[in-house]
């Protein structure tokens, strides 16, 4: 079973593909889809859609785990723009017949560290330990995508019959 974890962003979208097997979970691929920092919104979301669609076609995940929107009252425009990125990621998943599972950042942090407000470094250390990585996962967008995929793995495992 493969899980595609995605940390949506209009400029940088982090992604990771984890494979769960009887011997444990391993990283198949992790990286970023880089959009243009400025420019036409339609072109920016098209780049994200194409990048995620290519990852789906290449790695054929069984599930897509996606970070939910976080809205800050001081920056509502950021949430609106992030919604565009999430929309085209959901579209790529739907076109490939993948179900999308949504997780809040605090839920992901709580599952991996026991603390819903864990700092980035604590999250990176938890990911490094869980995936037996030799170095801290970077950039932050990739670390977040790994965390989202791991969260889905652990929660889906809980739901399976014993």
Protein backbone atom coordinates (compact mmCIF):
# COMPACT_ATOMS: atom_id res chain seq x y z
CA UNK A 1 0.00 0.00 0.00
CA UNK A 2 1.33 3.43 -0.94
CA UNK A 3 0.30 6.72 0.62
CA UNK A 4 0.84 10.09 -1.05
CA UNK A 5 1.13 12.83 1.56
CA UNK A 6 0.77 16.41 0.36
CA UNK A 7 1.50 19.73 2.05
CA UNK A 8 -0.28 22.19 -0.26
CA UNK A 9 1.22 25.53 -1.14
CA UNK A 10 0.84 27.93 -4.02
CA UNK A 11 4.60 28.51 -4.33
CA UNK A 12 5.89 25.19 -2.98
CA UNK A 13 3.83 22.02 -2.57
CA UNK A 14 5.59 19.29 -0.63
CA UNK A 15 4.83 15.67 -1.39
CA UNK A 16 5.95 12.26 -0.18
CA UNK A 17 5.15 8.71 -1.15
CA UNK A 18 5.37 6.14 1.64
CA UNK A 19 5.04 2.41 1.13
CA UNK A 20 3.65 0.26 3.91
CA UNK A 21 4.76 -3.36 3.77
CA UNK A 22 4.96 -6.19 6.30
CA UNK A 23 8.56 -5.18 7.11
CA UNK A 24 7.57 -1.59 7.96
CA UNK A 25 7.08 1.69 6.22
CA UNK A 26 9.61 3.25 3.86
CA UNK A 27 10.00 6.38 1.76
CA UNK A 28 9.62 5.77 -1.99
CA UNK A 29 9.92 9.42 -3.00
CA UNK A 30 9.73 12.88 -1.49
CA UNK A 31 10.10 16.29 -3.05
CA UNK A 32 8.41 19.53 -4.00
CA UNK A 33 6.37 20.90 -6.85
CA UNK A 34 7.52 24.47 -7.36
CA UNK A 35 5.05 26.95 -8.71
CA UNK A 36 5.81 30.45 -9.81
CA UNK A 37 6.11 32.93 -6.95
CA UNK A 38 4.19 35.51 -8.96
CA UNK A 39 2.05 35.48 -12.03
CA UNK A 40 -1.25 34.25 -13.30
CA UNK A 41 -3.17 32.21 -10.72
CA UNK A 42 -4.45 29.81 -13.37
CA UNK A 43 -0.90 28.97 -14.48
CA UNK A 44 0.26 28.56 -10.89
CA UNK A 45 -2.46 26.05 -9.99
CA UNK A 46 -1.98 24.26 -13.32
CA UNK A 47 1.67 23.66 -12.38
CA UNK A 48 0.61 22.18 -9.03
CA UNK A 49 -2.02 19.97 -10.68
CA UNK A 50 0.43 18.67 -13.29
CA UNK A 51 3.12 17.99 -10.70
CA UNK A 52 0.84 16.04 -8.36
CA UNK A 53 -0.76 14.20 -11.31
CA UNK A 54 2.73 13.10 -12.42
CA UNK A 55 3.56 11.81 -8.93
CA UNK A 56 0.26 9.89 -8.85
CA UNK A 57 0.91 8.40 -12.31
CA UNK A 58 4.49 7.43 -11.42
CA UNK A 59 3.95 5.93 -7.96
CA UNK A 60 0.31 4.81 -8.11
CA UNK A 61 -0.56 5.47 -4.46
CA UNK A 62 -3.59 3.85 -2.84
CA UNK A 63 -4.46 6.95 -0.79
CA UNK A 64 -3.83 10.67 -0.79
CA UNK A 65 -3.46 12.39 2.59
CA UNK A 66 -3.80 16.16 2.45
CA UNK A 67 -3.30 18.88 5.03
CA UNK A 68 -6.46 20.83 5.82
CA UNK A 69 -6.67 24.57 5.46
CA UNK A 70 -5.46 26.64 8.34
CA UNK A 71 -6.99 30.08 8.54
CA UNK A 72 -5.48 32.95 10.46
CA UNK A 73 -7.74 35.94 11.03
CA UNK A 74 -4.88 38.35 10.20
CA UNK A 75 -4.24 36.74 6.80
CA UNK A 76 -7.50 35.43 5.31
CA UNK A 77 -6.19 35.84 1.75
CA UNK A 78 -3.55 33.16 2.41
CA UNK A 79 -6.31 30.65 3.19
CA UNK A 80 -8.21 31.56 0.06
CA UNK A 81 -5.11 31.09 -2.10
CA UNK A 82 -4.28 27.82 -0.34
CA UNK A 83 -7.80 26.64 -1.15
CA UNK A 84 -6.96 26.92 -4.85
CA UNK A 85 -3.92 24.67 -4.38
CA UNK A 86 -5.95 22.14 -2.37
CA UNK A 87 -8.64 22.18 -5.05
CA UNK A 88 -6.34 21.17 -7.89
CA UNK A 89 -4.68 18.52 -5.70
CA UNK A 90 -8.12 17.05 -4.96
CA UNK A 91 -8.90 17.22 -8.70
CA UNK A 92 -5.73 15.27 -9.55
CA UNK A 93 -6.67 12.64 -6.96
CA UNK A 94 -10.26 12.38 -8.24
CA UNK A 95 -9.06 12.02 -11.83
CA UNK A 96 -6.89 9.10 -10.72
CA UNK A 97 -9.68 7.52 -8.67
CA UNK A 98 -7.94 8.17 -5.34
CA UNK A 99 -9.78 8.91 -2.14
CA UNK A 100 -8.55 12.00 -0.29
CA UNK A 101 -8.14 12.02 3.48
CA UNK A 102 -7.84 15.40 5.20
CA UNK A 103 -5.83 16.06 8.37
CA UNK A 104 -5.33 19.23 10.37
CA UNK A 105 -1.81 20.29 11.27
CA UNK A 106 -2.54 19.91 14.98
CA UNK A 107 -3.88 16.38 14.44
CA UNK A 108 -0.74 15.38 12.53
CA UNK A 109 1.50 16.84 15.24
CA UNK A 110 -0.47 15.11 18.00
CA UNK A 111 -0.31 11.72 16.26
CA UNK A 112 3.46 11.91 15.69
CA UNK A 113 4.63 13.65 18.87
CA UNK A 114 1.75 13.61 21.34
CA UNK A 115 1.72 17.42 21.21
CA UNK A 116 -0.63 19.25 18.83
CA UNK A 117 1.58 22.33 19.01
CA UNK A 118 4.93 20.62 18.47
CA UNK A 119 7.62 22.84 16.89
CA UNK A 120 9.07 22.05 13.44
CA UNK A 121 12.29 20.56 14.85
CA UNK A 122 10.40 18.14 17.09
CA UNK A 123 8.29 17.07 14.09
CA UNK A 124 11.37 16.56 11.91
CA UNK A 125 13.00 14.46 14.64
CA UNK A 126 9.86 12.32 15.01
CA UNK A 127 9.72 11.75 11.24
CA UNK A 128 13.42 10.93 11.14
CA UNK A 129 12.98 8.37 13.94
CA UNK A 130 9.79 6.78 12.56
CA UNK A 131 11.14 6.44 9.02
CA UNK A 132 14.69 5.55 10.13
CA UNK A 133 16.17 8.43 8.13
CA UNK A 134 19.82 9.39 8.52
CA UNK A 135 19.20 13.14 8.27
CA UNK A 136 16.39 15.51 9.19
CA UNK A 137 13.88 15.78 6.35
CA UNK A 138 14.09 19.12 4.58
CA UNK A 139 12.75 21.45 3.33
CA UNK A 140 9.85 21.98 5.74
CA UNK A 141 7.33 21.30 2.95
CA UNK A 142 8.72 17.78 2.45
CA UNK A 143 8.85 17.16 6.21
CA UNK A 144 5.20 18.19 6.47
CA UNK A 145 4.22 15.92 3.57
CA UNK A 146 6.03 12.99 5.23
CA UNK A 147 4.25 13.76 8.50
CA UNK A 148 0.83 13.85 6.81
CA UNK A 149 1.44 10.51 5.08
CA UNK A 150 2.67 8.96 8.35
CA UNK A 151 -0.38 10.26 10.18
CA UNK A 152 -2.64 8.61 7.61
CA UNK A 153 -0.67 5.37 7.88
CA UNK A 154 -1.08 5.24 11.67
CA UNK A 155 -4.75 6.19 11.67
CA UNK A 156 -5.63 3.79 8.83
CA UNK A 157 -3.77 1.01 10.64
CA UNK A 158 -5.94 1.58 13.72
CA UNK A 159 -9.09 1.08 11.62
CA UNK A 160 -8.00 -2.27 10.17
CA UNK A 161 -9.41 -5.41 11.81
CA UNK A 162 -6.90 -7.28 13.97
